N, C-alpha and C. Protein backbone atom coordinates (compact mmCIF):
# COMPACT_ATOMS: atom_id res chain seq x y z
N UNK A 1 16.86 73.06 69.39
CA UNK A 1 17.30 71.71 69.11
C UNK A 1 16.35 70.71 69.77
N UNK A 2 16.02 69.68 69.03
CA UNK A 2 15.13 68.66 69.56
C UNK A 2 15.86 67.33 69.55
N UNK A 3 16.02 66.77 70.72
CA UNK A 3 16.62 65.46 70.85
C UNK A 3 15.54 64.43 70.57
N UNK A 4 15.77 63.57 69.57
CA UNK A 4 14.78 62.56 69.18
C UNK A 4 15.36 61.17 69.42
N UNK A 5 14.57 60.33 70.07
CA UNK A 5 14.96 58.96 70.34
C UNK A 5 13.99 58.06 69.59
N UNK A 6 14.50 57.26 68.66
CA UNK A 6 13.67 56.35 67.89
C UNK A 6 13.71 54.98 68.56
N UNK A 7 12.52 54.47 68.94
CA UNK A 7 12.43 53.21 69.65
C UNK A 7 11.05 52.60 69.49
N UNK A 8 10.94 51.30 69.73
CA UNK A 8 9.62 50.67 69.66
C UNK A 8 8.84 50.88 70.95
N UNK A 9 7.53 51.03 70.82
CA UNK A 9 6.69 51.25 72.01
C UNK A 9 6.33 49.94 72.70
N UNK A 10 6.43 48.84 71.97
CA UNK A 10 6.09 47.55 72.58
C UNK A 10 6.96 46.45 71.98
N UNK A 11 7.09 45.38 72.72
CA UNK A 11 7.90 44.24 72.31
C UNK A 11 7.07 42.97 72.46
N UNK A 12 7.34 41.99 71.61
CA UNK A 12 6.73 40.69 71.81
C UNK A 12 7.49 40.01 72.95
N UNK A 13 6.78 39.36 73.86
CA UNK A 13 7.45 38.72 75.00
C UNK A 13 8.57 37.78 74.54
N UNK A 14 9.72 37.93 75.17
CA UNK A 14 10.86 37.06 74.87
C UNK A 14 11.72 37.50 73.71
N UNK A 15 11.24 38.42 72.89
CA UNK A 15 12.02 38.88 71.74
C UNK A 15 12.70 40.20 72.08
N UNK A 16 13.88 40.37 71.58
CA UNK A 16 14.64 41.62 71.68
C UNK A 16 14.92 42.10 73.11
N UNK A 17 15.26 41.21 74.06
CA UNK A 17 15.55 41.72 75.41
C UNK A 17 16.69 42.73 75.45
N UNK A 18 17.76 42.59 74.64
CA UNK A 18 18.81 43.62 74.71
C UNK A 18 18.30 45.00 74.28
N UNK A 19 17.45 45.04 73.26
CA UNK A 19 16.93 46.33 72.78
C UNK A 19 16.08 46.98 73.86
N UNK A 20 15.25 46.20 74.52
CA UNK A 20 14.39 46.76 75.57
C UNK A 20 15.25 47.32 76.71
N UNK A 21 16.29 46.59 77.12
CA UNK A 21 17.18 47.07 78.18
C UNK A 21 17.90 48.34 77.74
N UNK A 22 18.38 48.37 76.50
CA UNK A 22 19.07 49.56 75.98
C UNK A 22 18.13 50.75 75.97
N UNK A 23 16.91 50.53 75.52
CA UNK A 23 15.91 51.59 75.48
C UNK A 23 15.67 52.14 76.88
N UNK A 24 15.48 51.25 77.86
CA UNK A 24 15.25 51.68 79.24
C UNK A 24 16.46 52.44 79.79
N UNK A 25 17.65 52.00 79.41
CA UNK A 25 18.88 52.65 79.86
C UNK A 25 18.96 54.10 79.34
N UNK A 26 18.71 54.28 78.04
CA UNK A 26 18.77 55.62 77.44
C UNK A 26 17.69 56.52 78.04
N UNK A 27 16.45 56.04 78.05
CA UNK A 27 15.35 56.86 78.57
C UNK A 27 15.54 57.17 80.05
N UNK A 28 15.99 56.20 80.82
CA UNK A 28 16.23 56.42 82.25
C UNK A 28 17.27 57.48 82.49
N UNK A 29 18.36 57.45 81.71
CA UNK A 29 19.42 58.45 81.87
C UNK A 29 18.89 59.84 81.52
N UNK A 30 18.19 59.96 80.39
CA UNK A 30 17.68 61.26 79.96
C UNK A 30 16.69 61.83 80.98
N UNK A 31 15.79 60.98 81.47
CA UNK A 31 14.80 61.43 82.45
C UNK A 31 15.46 61.81 83.77
N UNK A 32 16.41 61.01 84.23
CA UNK A 32 17.09 61.29 85.50
C UNK A 32 17.87 62.59 85.45
N UNK A 33 18.39 62.93 84.27
CA UNK A 33 19.18 64.15 84.11
C UNK A 33 18.35 65.31 83.56
N UNK A 34 17.03 65.11 83.50
CA UNK A 34 16.09 66.14 83.05
C UNK A 34 16.47 66.71 81.69
N UNK A 35 16.88 65.81 80.79
CA UNK A 35 17.20 66.19 79.42
C UNK A 35 15.93 66.00 78.60
N UNK A 36 15.47 67.08 77.98
CA UNK A 36 14.24 67.00 77.19
C UNK A 36 14.49 66.21 75.93
N UNK A 37 13.52 65.38 75.57
CA UNK A 37 13.63 64.57 74.37
C UNK A 37 12.23 64.24 73.86
N UNK A 38 12.20 63.77 72.64
CA UNK A 38 10.96 63.39 72.00
C UNK A 38 11.09 61.92 71.60
N UNK A 39 10.16 61.09 72.06
CA UNK A 39 10.17 59.67 71.68
C UNK A 39 9.48 59.52 70.33
N UNK A 40 10.10 58.78 69.45
CA UNK A 40 9.52 58.49 68.14
C UNK A 40 9.30 56.98 68.05
N UNK A 41 8.05 56.58 68.08
CA UNK A 41 7.70 55.16 68.07
C UNK A 41 7.87 54.58 66.67
N UNK A 42 8.70 53.55 66.55
CA UNK A 42 8.90 52.92 65.24
C UNK A 42 8.09 51.63 65.11
N UNK A 43 7.43 51.19 66.19
CA UNK A 43 6.62 49.97 66.13
C UNK A 43 5.22 50.29 65.59
N UNK A 44 4.64 51.37 66.04
CA UNK A 44 3.27 51.71 65.67
C UNK A 44 3.19 52.76 64.57
N UNK A 45 4.32 53.37 64.21
CA UNK A 45 4.29 54.46 63.24
C UNK A 45 5.28 54.18 62.11
N UNK A 46 4.75 53.82 60.96
CA UNK A 46 5.58 53.48 59.80
C UNK A 46 6.43 54.66 59.33
N UNK A 47 5.88 55.88 59.41
CA UNK A 47 6.65 57.06 58.99
C UNK A 47 7.90 57.24 59.85
N UNK A 48 7.77 57.06 61.16
CA UNK A 48 8.94 57.16 62.05
C UNK A 48 9.97 56.09 61.72
N UNK A 49 9.51 54.86 61.49
CA UNK A 49 10.42 53.76 61.16
C UNK A 49 11.17 54.06 59.86
N UNK A 50 10.44 54.52 58.87
CA UNK A 50 11.05 54.83 57.57
C UNK A 50 12.05 55.99 57.71
N UNK A 51 11.66 57.04 58.44
CA UNK A 51 12.55 58.19 58.62
C UNK A 51 13.84 57.78 59.31
N UNK A 52 13.72 56.98 60.38
CA UNK A 52 14.92 56.53 61.10
C UNK A 52 15.83 55.74 60.17
N UNK A 53 15.28 54.79 59.45
CA UNK A 53 16.10 53.95 58.56
C UNK A 53 16.77 54.76 57.47
N UNK A 54 16.08 55.75 56.94
CA UNK A 54 16.64 56.57 55.86
C UNK A 54 17.70 57.55 56.35
N UNK A 55 17.65 57.92 57.62
CA UNK A 55 18.56 58.95 58.14
C UNK A 55 19.74 58.43 58.95
N UNK A 56 19.84 57.12 59.10
CA UNK A 56 21.04 56.55 59.71
C UNK A 56 22.09 56.49 58.59
N UNK A 57 23.25 57.12 58.77
CA UNK A 57 24.27 57.13 57.72
C UNK A 57 24.73 55.72 57.34
N UNK A 58 25.17 55.58 56.10
CA UNK A 58 25.62 54.28 55.59
C UNK A 58 26.65 53.63 56.50
N UNK A 59 27.62 54.41 56.97
CA UNK A 59 28.70 53.83 57.79
C UNK A 59 28.23 53.42 59.19
N UNK A 60 26.98 53.73 59.54
CA UNK A 60 26.44 53.35 60.85
C UNK A 60 25.38 52.27 60.74
N UNK A 61 25.20 51.74 59.54
CA UNK A 61 24.20 50.70 59.32
C UNK A 61 24.82 49.32 59.54
N UNK A 62 23.99 48.35 59.93
CA UNK A 62 24.52 46.99 60.04
C UNK A 62 24.86 46.43 58.66
N UNK A 63 25.72 45.42 58.62
CA UNK A 63 26.11 44.81 57.35
C UNK A 63 24.91 44.23 56.63
N UNK A 64 23.95 43.71 57.37
CA UNK A 64 22.73 43.20 56.75
C UNK A 64 21.54 43.61 57.60
N UNK A 65 20.42 43.77 56.97
CA UNK A 65 19.21 44.16 57.69
C UNK A 65 19.11 45.66 57.91
N UNK A 66 18.15 46.04 58.71
CA UNK A 66 17.89 47.45 59.00
C UNK A 66 18.54 47.87 60.32
N UNK A 67 18.81 49.17 60.47
CA UNK A 67 19.34 49.66 61.75
C UNK A 67 18.32 49.40 62.86
N UNK A 68 18.81 48.91 63.98
CA UNK A 68 17.93 48.62 65.11
C UNK A 68 17.92 49.78 66.10
N UNK A 69 16.80 49.96 66.80
CA UNK A 69 16.73 51.00 67.82
C UNK A 69 17.48 50.56 69.07
N UNK A 70 17.71 51.47 70.01
CA UNK A 70 17.41 52.89 69.91
C UNK A 70 18.45 53.62 69.07
N UNK A 71 17.99 54.64 68.36
CA UNK A 71 18.84 55.53 67.56
C UNK A 71 18.56 56.94 68.02
N UNK A 72 19.62 57.74 68.15
CA UNK A 72 19.49 59.10 68.68
C UNK A 72 19.82 60.13 67.61
N UNK A 73 19.01 61.18 67.56
CA UNK A 73 19.19 62.29 66.64
C UNK A 73 19.02 63.59 67.41
N UNK A 74 19.72 64.63 66.98
CA UNK A 74 19.51 65.98 67.48
C UNK A 74 18.97 66.74 66.28
N UNK A 75 17.71 67.09 66.33
CA UNK A 75 16.96 67.54 65.16
C UNK A 75 17.07 66.43 64.13
N UNK A 76 17.63 66.71 62.97
CA UNK A 76 17.77 65.65 61.96
C UNK A 76 19.20 65.13 61.88
N UNK A 77 20.08 65.62 62.77
CA UNK A 77 21.49 65.19 62.76
C UNK A 77 21.63 63.89 63.54
N UNK A 78 22.16 62.87 62.87
CA UNK A 78 22.35 61.57 63.51
C UNK A 78 23.43 61.64 64.56
N UNK A 79 23.14 61.13 65.76
CA UNK A 79 24.11 61.12 66.84
C UNK A 79 24.75 59.75 67.03
N UNK A 80 23.94 58.72 66.97
CA UNK A 80 24.48 57.38 67.12
C UNK A 80 23.47 56.39 67.66
N UNK A 81 23.98 55.19 67.92
CA UNK A 81 23.16 54.12 68.46
C UNK A 81 23.42 53.97 69.95
N UNK A 82 22.92 52.88 70.52
CA UNK A 82 23.10 52.67 71.96
C UNK A 82 24.57 52.55 72.33
N UNK A 83 25.36 51.84 71.52
CA UNK A 83 26.77 51.66 71.85
C UNK A 83 27.50 52.99 71.94
N UNK A 84 27.20 53.91 71.02
CA UNK A 84 27.83 55.24 71.04
C UNK A 84 27.38 56.01 72.28
N UNK A 85 26.09 55.92 72.60
CA UNK A 85 25.56 56.57 73.80
C UNK A 85 26.23 56.01 75.05
N UNK A 86 26.33 54.69 75.14
CA UNK A 86 26.93 54.04 76.31
C UNK A 86 28.38 54.47 76.48
N UNK A 87 29.13 54.50 75.39
CA UNK A 87 30.54 54.90 75.46
C UNK A 87 30.67 56.35 75.93
N UNK A 88 29.81 57.23 75.40
CA UNK A 88 29.83 58.63 75.83
C UNK A 88 29.49 58.75 77.31
N UNK A 89 28.52 57.98 77.76
CA UNK A 89 28.13 58.02 79.17
C UNK A 89 29.27 57.52 80.07
N UNK A 90 29.93 56.46 79.66
CA UNK A 90 31.05 55.92 80.44
C UNK A 90 32.20 56.91 80.54
N UNK A 91 32.35 57.76 79.53
CA UNK A 91 33.43 58.75 79.50
C UNK A 91 32.97 60.13 79.94
N UNK A 92 31.80 60.21 80.58
CA UNK A 92 31.26 61.50 81.05
C UNK A 92 31.19 62.53 79.93
N UNK A 93 30.79 62.07 78.75
CA UNK A 93 30.73 62.96 77.59
C UNK A 93 29.36 62.94 76.93
N UNK A 94 28.32 62.61 77.68
CA UNK A 94 26.98 62.49 77.09
C UNK A 94 26.48 63.82 76.54
N UNK A 95 26.71 64.91 77.27
CA UNK A 95 26.20 66.20 76.79
C UNK A 95 26.85 66.58 75.46
N UNK A 96 28.15 66.38 75.33
CA UNK A 96 28.82 66.65 74.06
C UNK A 96 28.30 65.72 72.98
N UNK A 97 28.12 64.45 73.30
CA UNK A 97 27.59 63.47 72.35
C UNK A 97 26.21 63.89 71.85
N UNK A 98 25.38 64.39 72.76
CA UNK A 98 24.02 64.80 72.40
C UNK A 98 23.98 66.18 71.75
N UNK A 99 25.11 66.89 71.73
CA UNK A 99 25.15 68.22 71.15
C UNK A 99 24.56 69.26 72.08
N UNK A 100 24.62 69.00 73.39
CA UNK A 100 24.05 69.90 74.39
C UNK A 100 25.14 70.48 75.27
N UNK A 101 24.86 71.60 75.89
CA UNK A 101 25.78 72.20 76.86
C UNK A 101 25.52 71.56 78.21
N UNK A 102 26.58 71.14 78.87
CA UNK A 102 26.45 70.51 80.18
C UNK A 102 25.97 71.54 81.20
N UNK A 103 25.00 71.18 82.04
CA UNK A 103 24.53 72.12 83.05
C UNK A 103 25.56 72.29 84.17
N UNK A 104 25.51 73.41 84.90
CA UNK A 104 26.42 73.60 86.03
C UNK A 104 26.32 72.43 87.01
N UNK A 105 27.48 72.01 87.50
CA UNK A 105 27.51 70.92 88.46
C UNK A 105 27.59 69.54 87.85
N UNK A 106 27.54 69.45 86.52
CA UNK A 106 27.62 68.12 85.90
C UNK A 106 29.07 67.74 85.66
N UNK A 107 29.30 66.45 85.59
CA UNK A 107 30.65 65.93 85.39
C UNK A 107 30.86 65.72 83.90
N UNK A 108 31.88 66.37 83.34
CA UNK A 108 32.17 66.29 81.92
C UNK A 108 33.63 65.94 81.76
N UNK A 109 33.91 64.78 81.21
CA UNK A 109 35.30 64.39 80.98
C UNK A 109 36.11 64.35 82.26
N UNK A 110 35.48 64.02 83.38
CA UNK A 110 36.20 63.91 84.63
C UNK A 110 36.33 65.22 85.38
N UNK A 111 35.78 66.32 84.84
CA UNK A 111 35.88 67.64 85.47
C UNK A 111 34.48 68.08 85.87
N UNK A 112 34.33 68.61 87.05
CA UNK A 112 33.04 69.15 87.48
C UNK A 112 32.96 70.60 87.04
N UNK A 113 31.95 70.92 86.24
CA UNK A 113 31.75 72.29 85.79
C UNK A 113 30.70 72.93 86.68
N UNK A 114 31.09 73.99 87.37
CA UNK A 114 30.14 74.59 88.29
C UNK A 114 29.80 76.03 87.97
N UNK A 115 30.79 76.85 87.64
CA UNK A 115 30.49 78.24 87.33
C UNK A 115 31.66 78.85 86.59
N UNK A 116 31.46 80.08 86.15
CA UNK A 116 32.55 80.80 85.50
C UNK A 116 32.78 80.34 84.07
N UNK A 117 34.02 80.51 83.60
CA UNK A 117 34.35 80.23 82.21
C UNK A 117 34.09 78.79 81.80
N UNK A 118 34.26 77.86 82.71
CA UNK A 118 34.15 76.45 82.34
C UNK A 118 32.73 75.90 82.45
N UNK A 119 31.77 76.72 82.87
CA UNK A 119 30.43 76.19 83.04
C UNK A 119 29.71 75.97 81.72
N UNK A 120 30.11 76.67 80.67
CA UNK A 120 29.46 76.51 79.38
C UNK A 120 30.51 76.26 78.32
N UNK A 121 30.82 75.00 78.03
CA UNK A 121 31.81 74.72 77.00
C UNK A 121 31.36 75.33 75.68
N UNK A 122 32.30 75.86 74.94
CA UNK A 122 32.01 76.52 73.68
C UNK A 122 32.39 75.62 72.52
N UNK A 123 31.43 75.29 71.68
CA UNK A 123 31.69 74.50 70.49
C UNK A 123 31.24 75.34 69.29
N UNK A 124 32.18 75.92 68.53
CA UNK A 124 31.81 76.81 67.44
C UNK A 124 31.09 76.12 66.29
N UNK A 125 31.31 74.82 66.11
CA UNK A 125 30.67 74.07 65.04
C UNK A 125 29.90 72.90 65.64
N UNK A 126 28.88 72.41 64.95
CA UNK A 126 28.20 71.23 65.48
C UNK A 126 29.19 70.07 65.60
N UNK A 127 29.18 69.41 66.72
CA UNK A 127 30.11 68.31 66.96
C UNK A 127 29.39 67.00 66.64
N UNK A 128 29.94 66.23 65.71
CA UNK A 128 29.34 64.96 65.34
C UNK A 128 29.86 63.83 66.22
N UNK A 129 30.91 64.08 66.95
CA UNK A 129 31.56 62.98 67.64
C UNK A 129 32.03 63.48 69.00
N UNK A 130 31.70 62.75 70.03
CA UNK A 130 31.99 63.18 71.40
C UNK A 130 33.48 63.26 71.68
N UNK A 131 34.28 62.41 71.03
CA UNK A 131 35.73 62.44 71.27
C UNK A 131 36.31 63.78 70.80
N UNK A 132 35.83 64.27 69.66
CA UNK A 132 36.29 65.57 69.17
C UNK A 132 35.87 66.67 70.13
N UNK A 133 34.68 66.55 70.69
CA UNK A 133 34.21 67.55 71.65
C UNK A 133 35.10 67.57 72.89
N UNK A 134 35.47 66.40 73.36
CA UNK A 134 36.35 66.35 74.53
C UNK A 134 37.71 66.95 74.22
N UNK A 135 38.26 66.66 73.03
CA UNK A 135 39.55 67.24 72.66
C UNK A 135 39.47 68.76 72.64
N UNK A 136 38.37 69.30 72.10
CA UNK A 136 38.19 70.75 72.06
C UNK A 136 38.10 71.31 73.48
N UNK A 137 37.39 70.61 74.35
CA UNK A 137 37.22 71.08 75.72
C UNK A 137 38.57 71.11 76.44
N UNK A 138 39.35 70.05 76.31
CA UNK A 138 40.66 69.99 76.95
C UNK A 138 41.60 71.05 76.38
N UNK A 139 41.52 71.32 75.08
CA UNK A 139 42.35 72.36 74.49
C UNK A 139 42.00 73.72 75.10
N UNK A 140 40.72 73.96 75.32
CA UNK A 140 40.29 75.21 75.94
C UNK A 140 40.78 75.34 77.37
N UNK A 141 40.73 74.25 78.11
CA UNK A 141 41.22 74.26 79.49
C UNK A 141 42.72 74.52 79.52
N UNK A 142 43.45 73.85 78.64
CA UNK A 142 44.90 74.05 78.57
C UNK A 142 45.22 75.50 78.22
N UNK A 143 44.47 76.08 77.28
CA UNK A 143 44.68 77.48 76.90
C UNK A 143 44.44 78.40 78.10
N UNK A 144 43.38 78.14 78.88
CA UNK A 144 43.11 78.95 80.06
C UNK A 144 44.24 78.85 81.08
N UNK A 145 44.80 77.68 81.23
CA UNK A 145 45.92 77.49 82.16
C UNK A 145 47.14 78.25 81.68
N UNK A 146 47.42 78.16 80.38
CA UNK A 146 48.61 78.81 79.82
C UNK A 146 48.54 80.33 79.86
N UNK A 147 47.36 80.88 79.55
CA UNK A 147 47.26 82.35 79.52
C UNK A 147 46.88 82.92 80.88
N UNK A 148 46.40 82.06 81.77
CA UNK A 148 45.94 82.50 83.09
C UNK A 148 47.10 82.76 83.97
């Protein structure tokens, strides 16, 4: 799986300050947590810009204009925009949002996963939405409590 982040490599001074801050926020989080990703420049590379615009689902596009960066994909599967990333991060669900397994010792949904059965959450199908991933995780924990 390849985590792809579509973003501009440069900004005109004074333009798009929220986008630049969002970009720095996403990249800073991924780098700090040693999550591998591939940057796709949409400012200098027309193919990247076109691919991003074509692969953002209709229901995730703005009412007018083109989808703005940053946009996150896992391989070619659309994950979301900055707002979706921010919400997942606030709810300790970034790994599920990104379609990744949380590493041991990370905080997921308010629970610290360190070792044993809970260290590698099992998702049998690709999860498009972090809330569904959390529900599945909690169901698994409840099942372990009930049968344990």
